[in-house]
Amino acid sequence: MHPVINFVALENGVISATYRNLMIKAKVVLVEQASGAALAYPVTTISSPVPAGALRIKLPGTIRPGTYYLKALNAHGQDAARSAEFHIG
């Protein structure tokens, strides 16, 4: 069971993504590619027991332009999956 998270689109300040095989209580964070730092907000927690699903993540108005990616962390805080990079302008 290999966890996967896929960036789908960024539209009107909302990130759409899909995931597979993320366990309940996994967290999805937004990471700035240049620094490798995860943003403190937004953090989305997986609460559905189904093996696949979709996420909509509202970006804060204070987000800086740059290249980012989504990272999924398992319930123990360990890296589980990473999306492709995308640009926020």
N, C-alpha and C. Protein backbone atom coordinates (compact mmCIF):
# COMPACT_ATOMS: atom_id res chain seq x y z
N MET A 1 0.85 -1.17 0.00
CA MET A 1 0.00 0.00 0.00
C MET A 1 0.90 1.24 0.00
N HIS A 2 1.03 1.87 -1.13
CA HIS A 2 1.91 3.02 -1.32
C HIS A 2 1.07 4.30 -1.33
N PRO A 3 1.22 5.20 -0.34
CA PRO A 3 0.44 6.45 -0.31
C PRO A 3 0.85 7.38 -1.45
N VAL A 4 -0.13 8.10 -1.99
CA VAL A 4 0.09 9.02 -3.10
C VAL A 4 -0.75 10.27 -2.86
N ILE A 5 -0.18 11.43 -3.17
CA ILE A 5 -0.95 12.68 -3.19
C ILE A 5 -0.62 13.40 -4.49
N ASN A 6 -1.66 13.86 -5.19
CA ASN A 6 -1.49 14.50 -6.49
C ASN A 6 -2.11 15.89 -6.48
N PHE A 7 -1.30 16.89 -6.81
CA PHE A 7 -1.81 18.24 -7.03
C PHE A 7 -2.65 18.21 -8.30
N VAL A 8 -3.85 18.79 -8.27
CA VAL A 8 -4.72 18.82 -9.44
C VAL A 8 -4.77 20.23 -10.03
N ALA A 9 -5.10 21.23 -9.18
CA ALA A 9 -5.27 22.59 -9.70
C ALA A 9 -5.21 23.60 -8.56
N LEU A 10 -4.92 24.84 -8.94
CA LEU A 10 -4.99 25.98 -8.04
C LEU A 10 -5.88 26.99 -8.71
N GLU A 11 -7.02 27.27 -8.10
CA GLU A 11 -7.97 28.20 -8.69
C GLU A 11 -8.64 29.01 -7.59
N ASN A 12 -8.61 30.34 -7.74
CA ASN A 12 -9.24 31.25 -6.78
C ASN A 12 -8.78 31.01 -5.34
N GLY A 13 -7.50 30.75 -5.17
CA GLY A 13 -6.94 30.58 -3.83
C GLY A 13 -7.27 29.25 -3.17
N VAL A 14 -7.71 28.27 -3.96
CA VAL A 14 -8.04 26.95 -3.42
C VAL A 14 -7.24 25.89 -4.19
N ILE A 15 -6.52 25.06 -3.46
CA ILE A 15 -5.77 23.95 -4.06
C ILE A 15 -6.68 22.73 -4.08
N SER A 16 -6.76 22.08 -5.24
CA SER A 16 -7.47 20.81 -5.36
C SER A 16 -6.41 19.72 -5.49
N ALA A 17 -6.61 18.64 -4.76
CA ALA A 17 -5.67 17.52 -4.81
C ALA A 17 -6.45 16.23 -4.62
N THR A 18 -5.85 15.14 -5.08
CA THR A 18 -6.41 13.82 -4.83
C THR A 18 -5.38 12.99 -4.05
N TYR A 19 -5.87 11.97 -3.38
CA TYR A 19 -4.95 11.11 -2.63
C TYR A 19 -5.43 9.66 -2.68
N ARG A 20 -4.48 8.76 -2.44
CA ARG A 20 -4.77 7.33 -2.32
C ARG A 20 -3.92 6.77 -1.20
N ASN A 21 -4.50 5.85 -0.48
CA ASN A 21 -3.79 5.09 0.55
C ASN A 21 -3.19 5.92 1.67
N LEU A 22 -3.81 7.04 2.00
CA LEU A 22 -3.39 7.79 3.19
C LEU A 22 -4.24 7.32 4.36
N MET A 23 -3.61 7.03 5.46
CA MET A 23 -4.32 6.52 6.62
C MET A 23 -5.08 7.65 7.33
N ILE A 24 -6.09 7.26 8.10
CA ILE A 24 -6.81 8.23 8.93
C ILE A 24 -5.80 8.90 9.86
N LYS A 25 -5.96 10.18 10.07
CA LYS A 25 -5.11 11.05 10.88
C LYS A 25 -3.83 11.48 10.17
N ALA A 26 -3.66 11.09 8.90
CA ALA A 26 -2.53 11.63 8.14
C ALA A 26 -2.79 13.12 7.95
N LYS A 27 -1.74 13.90 7.91
CA LYS A 27 -1.86 15.35 7.71
C LYS A 27 -1.23 15.73 6.38
N VAL A 28 -1.87 16.67 5.70
CA VAL A 28 -1.34 17.20 4.45
C VAL A 28 -0.96 18.65 4.69
N VAL A 29 0.31 18.96 4.43
CA VAL A 29 0.82 20.31 4.66
C VAL A 29 1.34 20.89 3.34
N LEU A 30 1.40 22.19 3.29
CA LEU A 30 1.94 22.92 2.14
C LEU A 30 3.39 23.26 2.47
N VAL A 31 4.31 22.94 1.55
CA VAL A 31 5.74 23.14 1.78
C VAL A 31 6.30 24.09 0.74
N GLU A 32 7.03 25.11 1.20
CA GLU A 32 7.73 26.01 0.30
C GLU A 32 8.97 25.29 -0.22
N GLN A 33 9.06 25.15 -1.53
CA GLN A 33 10.13 24.36 -2.14
C GLN A 33 11.50 24.95 -1.85
N ALA A 34 11.67 26.26 -1.93
CA ALA A 34 12.99 26.88 -1.78
C ALA A 34 13.61 26.61 -0.41
N SER A 35 12.80 26.71 0.64
CA SER A 35 13.32 26.54 2.00
C SER A 35 13.11 25.13 2.53
N GLY A 36 12.15 24.42 1.97
CA GLY A 36 11.80 23.09 2.49
C GLY A 36 10.97 23.14 3.75
N ALA A 37 10.52 24.36 4.11
CA ALA A 37 9.75 24.53 5.34
C ALA A 37 8.27 24.33 5.09
N ALA A 38 7.65 23.55 5.97
CA ALA A 38 6.20 23.36 5.91
C ALA A 38 5.53 24.58 6.54
N LEU A 39 4.48 25.07 5.91
CA LEU A 39 3.73 26.19 6.46
C LEU A 39 2.89 25.69 7.63
N ALA A 40 2.76 26.52 8.65
CA ALA A 40 1.97 26.16 9.83
C ALA A 40 0.49 26.10 9.51
N TYR A 41 0.08 26.83 8.49
CA TYR A 41 -1.31 26.85 8.05
C TYR A 41 -1.31 26.98 6.54
N PRO A 42 -2.10 26.28 5.80
CA PRO A 42 -3.12 25.34 6.21
C PRO A 42 -2.57 23.93 6.42
N VAL A 43 -3.21 23.20 7.33
CA VAL A 43 -2.93 21.78 7.56
C VAL A 43 -4.26 21.06 7.45
N THR A 44 -4.32 20.03 6.63
CA THR A 44 -5.54 19.26 6.43
C THR A 44 -5.32 17.86 6.98
N THR A 45 -6.28 17.37 7.77
CA THR A 45 -6.18 16.04 8.35
C THR A 45 -7.14 15.10 7.63
N ILE A 46 -6.64 13.93 7.24
CA ILE A 46 -7.47 12.93 6.59
C ILE A 46 -8.35 12.28 7.65
N SER A 47 -9.66 12.32 7.43
CA SER A 47 -10.59 11.75 8.40
C SER A 47 -11.45 10.64 7.81
N SER A 48 -11.31 10.39 6.52
CA SER A 48 -12.12 9.39 5.85
C SER A 48 -11.39 8.05 5.79
N PRO A 49 -12.09 6.95 6.09
CA PRO A 49 -11.45 5.64 6.03
C PRO A 49 -11.33 5.07 4.61
N VAL A 50 -11.90 5.74 3.61
CA VAL A 50 -11.82 5.22 2.25
C VAL A 50 -10.39 5.37 1.73
N PRO A 51 -9.95 4.45 0.86
CA PRO A 51 -8.56 4.47 0.42
C PRO A 51 -8.22 5.58 -0.58
N ALA A 52 -9.21 6.25 -1.14
CA ALA A 52 -8.95 7.33 -2.10
C ALA A 52 -9.92 8.47 -1.84
N GLY A 53 -9.47 9.68 -2.15
CA GLY A 53 -10.34 10.82 -1.92
C GLY A 53 -9.79 12.08 -2.56
N ALA A 54 -10.47 13.18 -2.29
CA ALA A 54 -10.09 14.47 -2.83
C ALA A 54 -10.04 15.49 -1.70
N LEU A 55 -9.17 16.48 -1.87
CA LEU A 55 -9.00 17.56 -0.89
C LEU A 55 -9.18 18.89 -1.57
N ARG A 56 -9.71 19.84 -0.83
CA ARG A 56 -9.75 21.25 -1.26
C ARG A 56 -9.14 22.02 -0.11
N ILE A 57 -8.05 22.72 -0.39
CA ILE A 57 -7.30 23.43 0.64
C ILE A 57 -7.32 24.92 0.34
N LYS A 58 -7.95 25.69 1.21
CA LYS A 58 -8.04 27.14 1.06
C LYS A 58 -6.72 27.76 1.53
N LEU A 59 -6.13 28.57 0.65
CA LEU A 59 -4.86 29.23 0.99
C LEU A 59 -5.11 30.50 1.80
N PRO A 60 -4.24 30.79 2.76
CA PRO A 60 -4.38 32.05 3.49
C PRO A 60 -4.01 33.22 2.58
N GLY A 61 -4.56 34.36 2.84
CA GLY A 61 -4.27 35.54 2.04
C GLY A 61 -2.84 36.03 2.16
N THR A 62 -2.11 35.55 3.15
CA THR A 62 -0.75 36.00 3.39
C THR A 62 0.31 35.14 2.71
N ILE A 63 -0.10 34.19 1.91
CA ILE A 63 0.87 33.29 1.28
C ILE A 63 1.72 34.05 0.27
N ARG A 64 3.02 33.79 0.29
CA ARG A 64 3.95 34.47 -0.62
C ARG A 64 4.01 33.73 -1.95
N PRO A 65 4.23 34.47 -3.04
CA PRO A 65 4.43 33.81 -4.33
C PRO A 65 5.65 32.90 -4.27
N GLY A 66 5.58 31.80 -4.99
CA GLY A 66 6.71 30.88 -5.03
C GLY A 66 6.30 29.51 -5.49
N THR A 67 7.23 28.58 -5.39
CA THR A 67 7.00 27.20 -5.77
C THR A 67 6.76 26.39 -4.51
N TYR A 68 5.72 25.58 -4.54
CA TYR A 68 5.30 24.81 -3.38
C TYR A 68 5.00 23.37 -3.79
N TYR A 69 4.83 22.52 -2.80
CA TYR A 69 4.31 21.18 -3.03
C TYR A 69 3.54 20.75 -1.79
N LEU A 70 2.71 19.73 -1.93
CA LEU A 70 1.96 19.17 -0.82
C LEU A 70 2.73 17.97 -0.28
N LYS A 71 2.77 17.85 1.03
CA LYS A 71 3.42 16.71 1.65
C LYS A 71 2.45 16.08 2.62
N ALA A 72 2.32 14.76 2.54
CA ALA A 72 1.48 14.02 3.47
C ALA A 72 2.37 13.40 4.54
N LEU A 73 1.94 13.54 5.78
CA LEU A 73 2.65 12.97 6.93
C LEU A 73 1.74 11.93 7.57
N ASN A 74 2.29 10.78 7.91
CA ASN A 74 1.45 9.76 8.55
C ASN A 74 1.13 10.19 9.98
N ALA A 75 0.38 9.37 10.69
CA ALA A 75 -0.05 9.71 12.05
C ALA A 75 1.12 9.87 13.02
N HIS A 76 2.29 9.37 12.66
CA HIS A 76 3.49 9.49 13.50
C HIS A 76 4.36 10.69 13.09
N GLY A 77 3.90 11.47 12.10
CA GLY A 77 4.64 12.65 11.65
C GLY A 77 5.73 12.36 10.64
N GLN A 78 5.78 11.13 10.13
CA GLN A 78 6.79 10.76 9.14
C GLN A 78 6.28 11.01 7.73
N ASP A 79 7.18 11.35 6.81
CA ASP A 79 6.80 11.58 5.42
C ASP A 79 6.13 10.34 4.85
N ALA A 80 4.97 10.56 4.19
CA ALA A 80 4.25 9.45 3.57
C ALA A 80 4.16 9.61 2.05
N ALA A 81 3.98 10.85 1.59
CA ALA A 81 3.84 11.09 0.14
C ALA A 81 4.11 12.57 -0.14
N ARG A 82 4.40 12.84 -1.41
CA ARG A 82 4.68 14.21 -1.84
C ARG A 82 4.09 14.42 -3.23
N SER A 83 3.52 15.59 -3.45
CA SER A 83 2.97 15.92 -4.77
C SER A 83 4.06 16.53 -5.66
N ALA A 84 3.72 16.72 -6.91
CA ALA A 84 4.57 17.48 -7.81
C ALA A 84 4.58 18.94 -7.36
N GLU A 85 5.61 19.67 -7.75
CA GLU A 85 5.69 21.09 -7.42
C GLU A 85 4.74 21.90 -8.28
N PHE A 86 4.26 23.01 -7.73
CA PHE A 86 3.39 23.93 -8.46
C PHE A 86 3.70 25.35 -8.02
N HIS A 87 3.32 26.30 -8.84
CA HIS A 87 3.65 27.71 -8.57
C HIS A 87 2.42 28.47 -8.08
N ILE A 88 2.64 29.26 -7.05
CA ILE A 88 1.62 30.18 -6.55
C ILE A 88 2.11 31.57 -6.86
N GLY A 89 1.34 32.30 -7.64
CA GLY A 89 1.79 33.59 -8.13
C GLY A 89 1.11 34.70 -7.48
